[in-house]
Structure formats: structure tokens, C-alpha cells
Amino acid sequence: MKKLLSLIVLASLVLVSCEGDRGPQGPPGEDGLDGLDGLGYTYERTINFDYFADVNYYSQIIDIPDAVDTFEPESDAVLVYRLELQPAEGGGTVDSWSLLPQNFFLEEGTIQYVYNHTVADIEIIIDGNFDLSDLETRFTEGQTFRVVVIPSATFQANNDVDISNFGEVQERFNLSID
């Protein structure tokens, strides 16, 4: 019985280890990260929020431009950054971009900038844990946002990038701002 079992195992190994003719070579790939580098898209919008008393939050919709052309828009990674002007050395200000969600702790309570998106648009919301009807205009008017749309395959292949750092995202995905 042991000899029969050994013979079957040996025959299986011989058959499995056989190698046939090499198949035809496939088409050459594109240069870069799976041919997907440089497909990210960035754009900037300055908005004023609308207040919705029935749900006690501010909201504004930003359309995703038609120029954003990726392979699978349903699975794209969408990142939204809010501009904050920071004091610069020697006077003036410098642009600082903060990834949403972003919290602010005020005397009245907490507010948070959040967003959700579809393939066609992004809704940016200011939510809070108190009556927002009298929220200071510095939070609701003239707010500038940068939206980054990156195909999911490109985004997943670069999962070591610090997405909270807009400069690093811009450099890694070779983004220009439209």
C-alpha cells in the first residue's frame, strides 16, 4: 500500500512539474504606476454656505467638472481640503490646507466640516451640536476648498501617502490645480 501511494505521489509531482511552450508576449504596459500616474485631478472653489433650519446645518454643493475623466468614477477617491490662512514669518499669510473632516471647538459647542460625494458632485456640510443659525460668517462665507479626485487603483497603489498633507498628495499624484 505504501508503495502504491508513493507511486501515485511521484506520478502527480511529475505531471504537475511539466512545462509547456511559452505563450505569446502581451502588449507593453504604460510607463509609471500601472499606467495610472498623472490621472488625479484637483480643482478649487470658493463658496458661501446656505443654512437649512429644518436640519440645523449649513450646506453647499460643488459640482465635479466634466474634465474629471477617470476609468471608474464610481470608485474614485475624493479628498476635500479647506483653506486656512496662517501668519507668515515677516508678516502676511501663507496657505494651509486641512483635510476634511475638520473640527472647531467654540464657546457654544463644536462644529465640524464634513462632506459626502456622488460621481457628479460633492456636498460640503457644517454640522454642530448647538443652534447654528447664528454661526459666525468667518465659518460660512468665502470658504475656499480644494477637491482632489484620484482613481481608486492609483490611490490604493499609493496607500503610504499621508493624505492629510495636501503638498504630499499633490507631489505624489503629480497634481496641478485647475
N, C-alpha and C. Protein backbone atom coordinates (compact mmCIF):
# COMPACT_ATOMS: atom_id res chain seq x y z
N MET A 1 0.81 -1.18 0.00
CA MET A 1 0.00 0.00 0.00
C MET A 1 0.87 1.26 0.00
N LYS A 2 1.94 1.23 0.80
CA LYS A 2 2.82 2.39 0.86
C LYS A 2 3.49 2.62 -0.49
N LYS A 3 3.84 1.52 -1.17
CA LYS A 3 4.50 1.65 -2.48
C LYS A 3 3.54 2.25 -3.50
N LEU A 4 2.26 1.84 -3.46
CA LEU A 4 1.26 2.37 -4.38
C LEU A 4 1.03 3.86 -4.13
N LEU A 5 0.94 4.23 -2.89
CA LEU A 5 0.76 5.64 -2.53
C LEU A 5 1.97 6.46 -2.96
N SER A 6 3.16 5.92 -2.75
CA SER A 6 4.39 6.61 -3.18
C SER A 6 4.43 6.78 -4.68
N LEU A 7 3.99 5.77 -5.41
CA LEU A 7 3.96 5.82 -6.86
C LEU A 7 2.97 6.88 -7.36
N ILE A 8 1.83 6.98 -6.73
CA ILE A 8 0.82 7.99 -7.11
C ILE A 8 1.34 9.39 -6.83
N VAL A 9 1.96 9.61 -5.68
CA VAL A 9 2.52 10.92 -5.35
C VAL A 9 3.62 11.29 -6.33
N LEU A 10 4.51 10.35 -6.66
CA LEU A 10 5.59 10.60 -7.61
C LEU A 10 5.04 10.94 -8.99
N ALA A 11 4.05 10.21 -9.44
CA ALA A 11 3.43 10.47 -10.75
C ALA A 11 2.77 11.86 -10.76
N SER A 12 2.11 12.22 -9.68
CA SER A 12 1.47 13.54 -9.58
C SER A 12 2.50 14.65 -9.66
N LEU A 13 3.62 14.49 -8.96
CA LEU A 13 4.67 15.51 -8.99
C LEU A 13 5.25 15.67 -10.39
N VAL A 14 5.44 14.56 -11.08
CA VAL A 14 5.99 14.61 -12.44
C VAL A 14 5.03 15.34 -13.37
N LEU A 15 3.74 15.02 -13.27
CA LEU A 15 2.75 15.65 -14.15
C LEU A 15 2.58 17.14 -13.84
N VAL A 16 2.60 17.50 -12.58
CA VAL A 16 2.43 18.90 -12.18
C VAL A 16 3.64 19.74 -12.58
N SER A 17 4.80 19.16 -12.55
CA SER A 17 6.00 19.95 -12.83
C SER A 17 6.32 20.05 -14.31
N CYS A 18 5.49 19.49 -15.17
CA CYS A 18 5.74 19.60 -16.61
C CYS A 18 5.52 21.04 -17.06
N GLU A 19 6.29 21.45 -18.03
CA GLU A 19 6.19 22.81 -18.52
C GLU A 19 5.98 22.77 -20.03
N GLY A 20 5.02 23.56 -20.52
CA GLY A 20 4.73 23.58 -21.95
C GLY A 20 5.44 24.74 -22.64
N ASP A 21 5.07 24.96 -23.90
CA ASP A 21 5.64 26.07 -24.65
C ASP A 21 5.22 27.39 -24.04
N ARG A 22 6.10 28.35 -24.17
CA ARG A 22 5.82 29.69 -23.67
C ARG A 22 4.79 30.34 -24.58
N GLY A 23 3.81 31.02 -24.00
CA GLY A 23 2.77 31.69 -24.76
C GLY A 23 3.28 32.99 -25.37
N PRO A 24 2.43 33.64 -26.19
CA PRO A 24 2.85 34.90 -26.80
C PRO A 24 2.97 36.01 -25.75
N GLN A 25 3.87 36.96 -25.99
CA GLN A 25 4.07 38.07 -25.08
C GLN A 25 2.92 39.04 -25.19
N GLY A 26 2.48 39.56 -24.09
CA GLY A 26 1.38 40.52 -24.07
C GLY A 26 1.83 41.89 -24.52
N PRO A 27 0.88 42.82 -24.67
CA PRO A 27 1.24 44.18 -25.10
C PRO A 27 2.05 44.89 -24.02
N PRO A 28 2.93 45.82 -24.40
CA PRO A 28 3.72 46.54 -23.39
C PRO A 28 2.82 47.44 -22.55
N GLY A 29 3.15 47.58 -21.29
CA GLY A 29 2.39 48.46 -20.40
C GLY A 29 2.84 49.89 -20.54
N GLU A 30 2.05 50.79 -19.92
CA GLU A 30 2.42 52.20 -19.93
C GLU A 30 3.46 52.46 -18.86
N ASP A 31 4.26 53.51 -19.06
CA ASP A 31 5.25 53.88 -18.05
C ASP A 31 4.52 54.39 -16.82
N GLY A 32 5.10 54.13 -15.69
CA GLY A 32 4.54 54.67 -14.45
C GLY A 32 3.87 53.59 -13.64
N LEU A 33 3.05 54.02 -12.70
CA LEU A 33 2.39 53.14 -11.76
C LEU A 33 1.17 52.52 -12.42
N ASP A 34 1.32 51.34 -12.99
CA ASP A 34 0.24 50.64 -13.67
C ASP A 34 -0.42 51.50 -14.74
N GLY A 35 0.33 52.44 -15.31
CA GLY A 35 -0.23 53.31 -16.34
C GLY A 35 -1.22 54.31 -15.80
N LEU A 36 -1.29 54.48 -14.47
CA LEU A 36 -2.31 55.34 -13.90
C LEU A 36 -1.77 56.63 -13.30
N ASP A 37 -0.46 56.84 -13.32
CA ASP A 37 0.04 58.05 -12.69
C ASP A 37 -0.36 59.27 -13.52
N GLY A 38 -0.55 60.40 -12.84
CA GLY A 38 -0.92 61.63 -13.52
C GLY A 38 -2.41 61.72 -13.82
N LEU A 39 -3.22 60.77 -13.34
CA LEU A 39 -4.65 60.82 -13.62
C LEU A 39 -5.44 61.54 -12.54
N GLY A 40 -4.81 61.95 -11.48
CA GLY A 40 -5.52 62.69 -10.46
C GLY A 40 -5.92 64.06 -10.98
N TYR A 41 -6.96 64.62 -10.38
CA TYR A 41 -7.48 65.91 -10.82
C TYR A 41 -7.76 66.75 -9.58
N THR A 42 -7.36 68.01 -9.62
CA THR A 42 -7.57 68.92 -8.50
C THR A 42 -8.23 70.19 -8.98
N TYR A 43 -9.19 70.67 -8.22
CA TYR A 43 -9.79 71.97 -8.54
C TYR A 43 -10.15 72.67 -7.24
N GLU A 44 -10.33 73.96 -7.35
CA GLU A 44 -10.52 74.82 -6.18
C GLU A 44 -11.80 75.62 -6.36
N ARG A 45 -12.59 75.75 -5.28
CA ARG A 45 -13.82 76.55 -5.32
C ARG A 45 -13.92 77.36 -4.03
N THR A 46 -14.40 78.60 -4.16
CA THR A 46 -14.72 79.43 -3.01
C THR A 46 -16.23 79.53 -2.95
N ILE A 47 -16.78 79.23 -1.79
CA ILE A 47 -18.24 79.14 -1.66
C ILE A 47 -18.75 79.88 -0.44
N ASN A 48 -20.05 80.19 -0.46
CA ASN A 48 -20.80 80.66 0.69
C ASN A 48 -21.82 79.57 1.01
N PHE A 49 -21.93 79.21 2.26
CA PHE A 49 -22.84 78.16 2.67
C PHE A 49 -24.26 78.68 2.83
N ASP A 50 -25.23 77.80 2.58
CA ASP A 50 -26.64 78.07 2.83
C ASP A 50 -27.03 77.37 4.12
N TYR A 51 -27.85 78.06 4.95
CA TYR A 51 -28.31 77.47 6.21
C TYR A 51 -29.65 76.78 5.99
N PHE A 52 -29.80 75.58 6.55
CA PHE A 52 -31.04 74.82 6.47
C PHE A 52 -31.56 74.61 7.89
N ALA A 53 -32.56 75.45 8.28
CA ALA A 53 -33.07 75.45 9.65
C ALA A 53 -33.71 74.12 10.04
N ASP A 54 -34.35 73.43 9.08
CA ASP A 54 -35.04 72.18 9.41
C ASP A 54 -34.09 71.08 9.87
N VAL A 55 -32.83 71.14 9.46
CA VAL A 55 -31.84 70.15 9.89
C VAL A 55 -30.69 70.79 10.69
N ASN A 56 -30.75 72.10 10.85
CA ASN A 56 -29.76 72.85 11.63
C ASN A 56 -28.33 72.60 11.16
N TYR A 57 -28.11 72.75 9.85
CA TYR A 57 -26.74 72.74 9.35
C TYR A 57 -26.62 73.59 8.11
N TYR A 58 -25.37 73.91 7.78
CA TYR A 58 -25.05 74.65 6.56
C TYR A 58 -24.59 73.64 5.52
N SER A 59 -24.89 73.96 4.26
CA SER A 59 -24.51 73.04 3.20
C SER A 59 -24.29 73.80 1.91
N GLN A 60 -23.46 73.24 1.05
CA GLN A 60 -23.27 73.76 -0.30
C GLN A 60 -22.81 72.60 -1.18
N ILE A 61 -23.32 72.60 -2.40
CA ILE A 61 -22.98 71.55 -3.37
C ILE A 61 -21.95 72.12 -4.35
N ILE A 62 -20.91 71.34 -4.60
CA ILE A 62 -19.89 71.69 -5.59
C ILE A 62 -19.93 70.61 -6.67
N ASP A 63 -20.13 71.01 -7.90
CA ASP A 63 -20.14 70.04 -9.00
C ASP A 63 -18.73 69.53 -9.28
N ILE A 64 -18.63 68.28 -9.68
CA ILE A 64 -17.37 67.73 -10.15
C ILE A 64 -17.31 68.05 -11.64
N PRO A 65 -16.29 68.77 -12.10
CA PRO A 65 -16.23 69.19 -13.52
C PRO A 65 -16.22 68.00 -14.48
N ASP A 66 -16.76 68.24 -15.67
CA ASP A 66 -16.74 67.22 -16.71
C ASP A 66 -15.32 66.81 -17.09
N ALA A 67 -14.36 67.72 -16.87
CA ALA A 67 -12.97 67.44 -17.22
C ALA A 67 -12.36 66.32 -16.38
N VAL A 68 -13.00 65.99 -15.25
CA VAL A 68 -12.52 64.89 -14.41
C VAL A 68 -12.90 63.60 -15.13
N ASP A 69 -11.91 62.99 -15.75
CA ASP A 69 -12.15 61.80 -16.57
C ASP A 69 -11.28 60.66 -16.06
N THR A 70 -11.90 59.70 -15.38
CA THR A 70 -11.16 58.55 -14.87
C THR A 70 -11.84 57.28 -15.37
N PHE A 71 -11.18 56.14 -15.14
CA PHE A 71 -11.69 54.86 -15.63
C PHE A 71 -12.98 54.44 -14.93
N GLU A 72 -13.04 54.59 -13.63
CA GLU A 72 -14.19 54.14 -12.85
C GLU A 72 -14.60 55.21 -11.85
N PRO A 73 -15.37 56.22 -12.28
CA PRO A 73 -15.72 57.33 -11.38
C PRO A 73 -16.46 56.90 -10.13
N GLU A 74 -17.16 55.77 -10.19
CA GLU A 74 -17.91 55.29 -9.01
C GLU A 74 -16.98 54.90 -7.87
N SER A 75 -15.74 54.58 -8.16
CA SER A 75 -14.84 54.13 -7.10
C SER A 75 -13.68 55.10 -6.86
N ASP A 76 -13.71 56.28 -7.45
CA ASP A 76 -12.63 57.26 -7.26
C ASP A 76 -12.51 57.66 -5.79
N ALA A 77 -11.30 57.98 -5.39
CA ALA A 77 -11.07 58.56 -4.07
C ALA A 77 -11.25 60.07 -4.21
N VAL A 78 -12.08 60.64 -3.36
CA VAL A 78 -12.34 62.08 -3.37
C VAL A 78 -11.91 62.64 -2.03
N LEU A 79 -10.97 63.58 -2.07
CA LEU A 79 -10.47 64.22 -0.85
C LEU A 79 -10.82 65.71 -0.93
N VAL A 80 -11.21 66.30 0.19
CA VAL A 80 -11.56 67.72 0.22
C VAL A 80 -10.72 68.39 1.31
N TYR A 81 -10.08 69.50 0.92
CA TYR A 81 -9.23 70.28 1.83
C TYR A 81 -9.81 71.69 1.97
N ARG A 82 -9.74 72.25 3.17
CA ARG A 82 -10.22 73.62 3.45
C ARG A 82 -9.02 74.53 3.66
N LEU A 83 -9.09 75.70 3.04
CA LEU A 83 -8.01 76.68 3.16
C LEU A 83 -8.09 77.41 4.48
N GLU A 84 -6.94 77.48 5.14
CA GLU A 84 -6.79 78.31 6.33
C GLU A 84 -5.55 79.17 6.12
N LEU A 85 -5.71 80.45 6.24
CA LEU A 85 -4.56 81.35 6.10
C LEU A 85 -3.84 81.43 7.44
N GLN A 86 -2.56 81.12 7.41
CA GLN A 86 -1.74 81.13 8.62
C GLN A 86 -0.78 82.31 8.56
N PRO A 87 -0.47 82.92 9.70
CA PRO A 87 0.50 84.03 9.71
C PRO A 87 1.86 83.55 9.20
N ALA A 88 2.47 84.38 8.35
CA ALA A 88 3.80 84.06 7.81
C ALA A 88 4.86 84.84 8.57
N GLU A 89 6.05 84.28 8.58
CA GLU A 89 7.17 84.99 9.19
C GLU A 89 7.42 86.28 8.44
N GLY A 90 7.56 87.37 9.12
CA GLY A 90 7.81 88.65 8.47
C GLY A 90 6.53 89.34 8.00
N GLY A 91 5.37 88.83 8.39
CA GLY A 91 4.10 89.44 8.01
C GLY A 91 3.41 88.69 6.88
N GLY A 92 2.17 89.05 6.65
CA GLY A 92 1.40 88.39 5.62
C GLY A 92 0.88 87.03 6.08
N THR A 93 0.43 86.24 5.12
CA THR A 93 -0.11 84.92 5.43
C THR A 93 0.42 83.89 4.45
N VAL A 94 0.26 82.64 4.83
CA VAL A 94 0.64 81.51 3.98
C VAL A 94 -0.55 80.55 3.94
N ASP A 95 -0.79 79.95 2.77
CA ASP A 95 -1.88 79.00 2.62
C ASP A 95 -1.59 77.71 3.38
N SER A 96 -2.59 77.25 4.12
CA SER A 96 -2.51 75.97 4.83
C SER A 96 -3.79 75.21 4.50
N TRP A 97 -3.66 73.98 4.05
CA TRP A 97 -4.81 73.18 3.63
C TRP A 97 -5.05 72.06 4.63
N SER A 98 -6.28 72.00 5.16
CA SER A 98 -6.65 70.98 6.15
C SER A 98 -7.66 70.01 5.54
N LEU A 99 -7.37 68.72 5.66
CA LEU A 99 -8.25 67.68 5.15
C LEU A 99 -9.53 67.62 5.98
N LEU A 100 -10.68 67.52 5.30
CA LEU A 100 -11.94 67.33 6.00
C LEU A 100 -12.08 65.85 6.36
N PRO A 101 -12.72 65.52 7.48
CA PRO A 101 -13.44 66.40 8.38
C PRO A 101 -12.51 67.25 9.23
N GLN A 102 -13.05 68.41 9.60
CA GLN A 102 -12.28 69.35 10.40
C GLN A 102 -13.18 69.89 11.50
N ASN A 103 -12.71 69.86 12.74
CA ASN A 103 -13.50 70.28 13.90
C ASN A 103 -13.05 71.65 14.41
N PHE A 104 -14.02 72.38 14.96
CA PHE A 104 -13.74 73.63 15.66
C PHE A 104 -14.49 73.60 16.97
N PHE A 105 -13.80 73.90 18.06
CA PHE A 105 -14.39 73.89 19.39
C PHE A 105 -14.63 75.34 19.79
N LEU A 106 -15.89 75.74 19.78
CA LEU A 106 -16.29 77.11 20.07
C LEU A 106 -16.90 77.19 21.46
N GLU A 107 -17.13 78.40 21.92
CA GLU A 107 -17.74 78.60 23.24
C GLU A 107 -19.12 77.95 23.31
N GLU A 108 -19.87 78.00 22.19
CA GLU A 108 -21.23 77.47 22.16
C GLU A 108 -21.27 75.95 22.03
N GLY A 109 -20.22 75.37 21.49
CA GLY A 109 -20.18 73.94 21.24
C GLY A 109 -19.18 73.62 20.13
N THR A 110 -19.40 72.53 19.45
CA THR A 110 -18.48 72.05 18.41
C THR A 110 -19.15 72.11 17.05
N ILE A 111 -18.38 72.56 16.03
CA ILE A 111 -18.83 72.44 14.66
C ILE A 111 -17.84 71.56 13.90
N GLN A 112 -18.32 70.99 12.82
CA GLN A 112 -17.46 70.12 12.03
C GLN A 112 -17.79 70.30 10.55
N TYR A 113 -16.75 70.52 9.74
CA TYR A 113 -16.88 70.50 8.29
C TYR A 113 -16.75 69.03 7.87
N VAL A 114 -17.74 68.53 7.15
CA VAL A 114 -17.72 67.17 6.62
C VAL A 114 -18.17 67.22 5.17
N TYR A 115 -18.05 66.11 4.45
CA TYR A 115 -18.52 66.07 3.07
C TYR A 115 -18.95 64.67 2.69
N ASN A 116 -19.77 64.62 1.65
CA ASN A 116 -20.10 63.37 1.00
C ASN A 116 -20.12 63.64 -0.49
N HIS A 117 -20.07 62.59 -1.30
CA HIS A 117 -19.99 62.83 -2.75
C HIS A 117 -20.66 61.74 -3.55
N THR A 118 -21.02 62.12 -4.77
CA THR A 118 -21.50 61.19 -5.78
C THR A 118 -20.51 61.29 -6.93
N VAL A 119 -20.81 60.65 -8.07
CA VAL A 119 -19.93 60.78 -9.23
C VAL A 119 -20.05 62.16 -9.86
N ALA A 120 -21.11 62.91 -9.51
CA ALA A 120 -21.36 64.20 -10.15
C ALA A 120 -21.08 65.41 -9.27
N ASP A 121 -21.14 65.25 -7.94
CA ASP A 121 -20.97 66.42 -7.08
C ASP A 121 -20.50 66.03 -5.68
N ILE A 122 -20.18 67.09 -4.94
CA ILE A 122 -19.73 66.95 -3.55
C ILE A 122 -20.57 67.89 -2.71
N GLU A 123 -21.09 67.40 -1.61
CA GLU A 123 -21.81 68.25 -0.68
C GLU A 123 -20.91 68.49 0.53
N ILE A 124 -20.63 69.75 0.80
CA ILE A 124 -19.85 70.11 1.99
C ILE A 124 -20.84 70.63 3.03
N ILE A 125 -20.72 70.14 4.23
CA ILE A 125 -21.68 70.43 5.30
C ILE A 125 -20.93 70.96 6.51
N ILE A 126 -21.55 71.94 7.18
CA ILE A 126 -21.09 72.37 8.50
C ILE A 126 -22.16 71.88 9.48
N ASP A 127 -21.77 70.96 10.33
CA ASP A 127 -22.68 70.37 11.31
C ASP A 127 -22.21 70.80 12.69
N GLY A 128 -23.10 70.78 13.67
CA GLY A 128 -22.71 71.17 15.02
C GLY A 128 -23.64 70.62 16.06
N ASN A 129 -23.27 70.82 17.31
CA ASN A 129 -24.08 70.32 18.42
C ASN A 129 -24.79 71.44 19.18
N PHE A 130 -25.05 72.56 18.49
CA PHE A 130 -25.80 73.67 19.05
C PHE A 130 -26.54 74.35 17.90
N ASP A 131 -27.36 75.34 18.19
CA ASP A 131 -28.12 76.05 17.17
C ASP A 131 -27.14 76.84 16.29
N LEU A 132 -27.04 76.45 15.02
CA LEU A 132 -26.06 77.05 14.11
C LEU A 132 -26.59 78.27 13.36
N SER A 133 -27.82 78.69 13.63
CA SER A 133 -28.41 79.79 12.86
C SER A 133 -27.62 81.09 12.99
N ASP A 134 -26.91 81.27 14.08
CA ASP A 134 -26.11 82.50 14.29
C ASP A 134 -24.61 82.23 14.20
N LEU A 135 -24.21 81.19 13.48
CA LEU A 135 -22.79 80.86 13.35
C LEU A 135 -22.05 82.02 12.68
N GLU A 136 -20.88 82.34 13.18
CA GLU A 136 -20.09 83.44 12.64
C GLU A 136 -19.83 83.25 11.14
N THR A 137 -19.88 84.35 10.40
CA THR A 137 -19.69 84.29 8.95
C THR A 137 -18.27 83.87 8.56
N ARG A 138 -17.32 83.95 9.47
CA ARG A 138 -15.96 83.52 9.15
C ARG A 138 -15.91 82.01 8.87
N PHE A 139 -16.97 81.28 9.29
CA PHE A 139 -17.06 79.84 9.01
C PHE A 139 -17.94 79.55 7.79
N THR A 140 -18.80 80.49 7.40
CA THR A 140 -19.81 80.19 6.39
C THR A 140 -19.66 80.95 5.07
N GLU A 141 -18.90 82.01 5.05
CA GLU A 141 -18.78 82.82 3.83
C GLU A 141 -17.35 82.87 3.33
N GLY A 142 -17.21 82.85 2.00
CA GLY A 142 -15.89 82.95 1.38
C GLY A 142 -14.95 81.81 1.75
N GLN A 143 -15.49 80.62 1.93
CA GLN A 143 -14.67 79.46 2.30
C GLN A 143 -14.11 78.81 1.02
N THR A 144 -12.80 78.58 1.00
CA THR A 144 -12.15 78.01 -0.17
C THR A 144 -11.78 76.56 0.11
N PHE A 145 -12.13 75.70 -0.86
CA PHE A 145 -11.89 74.27 -0.76
C PHE A 145 -11.14 73.80 -1.99
N ARG A 146 -10.24 72.84 -1.80
CA ARG A 146 -9.59 72.14 -2.90
C ARG A 146 -10.11 70.71 -2.89
N VAL A 147 -10.53 70.28 -4.06
CA VAL A 147 -11.04 68.93 -4.21
C VAL A 147 -10.03 68.14 -5.03
N VAL A 148 -9.68 66.96 -4.55
CA VAL A 148 -8.75 66.07 -5.24
C VAL A 148 -9.52 64.80 -5.59
N VAL A 149 -9.53 64.45 -6.87
CA VAL A 149 -10.16 63.21 -7.33
C VAL A 149 -9.06 62.32 -7.89
N ILE A 150 -8.93 61.13 -7.33
CA ILE A 150 -7.87 60.20 -7.74
C ILE A 150 -8.51 58.84 -8.02
N PRO A 151 -8.21 58.25 -9.19
CA PRO A 151 -8.74 56.90 -9.46
C PRO A 151 -8.34 55.95 -8.35
N SER A 152 -9.25 55.07 -7.98
CA SER A 152 -9.01 54.20 -6.82
C SER A 152 -7.79 53.30 -7.00
N ALA A 153 -7.53 52.82 -8.22
CA ALA A 153 -6.36 51.95 -8.43
C ALA A 153 -5.07 52.72 -8.14
N THR A 154 -4.99 53.96 -8.57
CA THR A 154 -3.82 54.80 -8.30
C THR A 154 -3.71 55.06 -6.80
N PHE A 155 -4.84 55.38 -6.18
CA PHE A 155 -4.87 55.70 -4.76
C PHE A 155 -4.45 54.49 -3.93
N GLN A 156 -4.97 53.31 -4.24
CA GLN A 156 -4.64 52.11 -3.48
C GLN A 156 -3.17 51.74 -3.63
N ALA A 157 -2.61 51.95 -4.81
CA ALA A 157 -1.21 51.61 -5.03
C ALA A 157 -0.27 52.57 -4.29
N ASN A 158 -0.80 53.70 -3.85
CA ASN A 158 -0.01 54.69 -3.11
C ASN A 158 -0.55 54.84 -1.69
N ASN A 159 -0.88 53.74 -1.04
CA ASN A 159 -1.51 53.81 0.26
C ASN A 159 -0.59 54.30 1.38
N ASP A 160 0.67 54.55 1.07
CA ASP A 160 1.59 55.04 2.09
C ASP A 160 1.66 56.57 2.12
N VAL A 161 0.93 57.25 1.25
CA VAL A 161 0.96 58.71 1.21
C VAL A 161 0.11 59.25 2.37
N ASP A 162 0.60 60.33 2.99
CA ASP A 162 -0.12 60.99 4.08
C ASP A 162 -1.17 61.91 3.47
N ILE A 163 -2.43 61.46 3.37
CA ILE A 163 -3.46 62.24 2.70
C ILE A 163 -3.83 63.51 3.45
N SER A 164 -3.46 63.63 4.72
CA SER A 164 -3.75 64.86 5.45
C SER A 164 -2.83 65.99 5.04
N ASN A 165 -1.76 65.69 4.33
CA ASN A 165 -0.79 66.68 3.86
C ASN A 165 -1.02 66.93 2.37
N PHE A 166 -1.70 68.06 2.05
CA PHE A 166 -2.03 68.33 0.66
C PHE A 166 -0.78 68.40 -0.22
N GLY A 167 0.30 68.98 0.27
CA GLY A 167 1.53 69.08 -0.51
C GLY A 167 2.07 67.71 -0.89
N GLU A 168 2.02 66.76 0.04
CA GLU A 168 2.48 65.40 -0.25
C GLU A 168 1.57 64.72 -1.28
N VAL A 169 0.26 64.91 -1.15
CA VAL A 169 -0.69 64.35 -2.11
C VAL A 169 -0.45 64.94 -3.49
N GLN A 170 -0.27 66.25 -3.54
CA GLN A 170 -0.04 66.94 -4.82
C GLN A 170 1.23 66.43 -5.50
N GLU A 171 2.29 66.25 -4.71
CA GLU A 171 3.56 65.77 -5.27
C GLU A 171 3.46 64.31 -5.71
N ARG A 172 2.91 63.45 -4.85
CA ARG A 172 2.86 62.02 -5.14
C ARG A 172 2.02 61.71 -6.38
N PHE A 173 0.89 62.45 -6.54
CA PHE A 173 0.00 62.16 -7.65
C PHE A 173 0.18 63.12 -8.82
N ASN A 174 1.23 63.95 -8.75
CA ASN A 174 1.56 64.85 -9.85
C ASN A 174 0.36 65.69 -10.25
N LEU A 175 -0.24 66.39 -9.27
CA LEU A 175 -1.47 67.14 -9.48
C LEU A 175 -1.20 68.59 -9.81
N SER A 176 -1.96 69.11 -10.76
CA SER A 176 -1.97 70.56 -11.00
C SER A 176 -3.36 71.04 -10.59
N ILE A 177 -3.49 72.32 -10.30
CA ILE A 177 -4.74 72.87 -9.81
C ILE A 177 -5.44 73.62 -10.92
N ASP A 178 -6.66 73.22 -11.20
CA ASP A 178 -7.47 73.88 -12.23
C ASP A 178 -8.46 74.82 -11.60
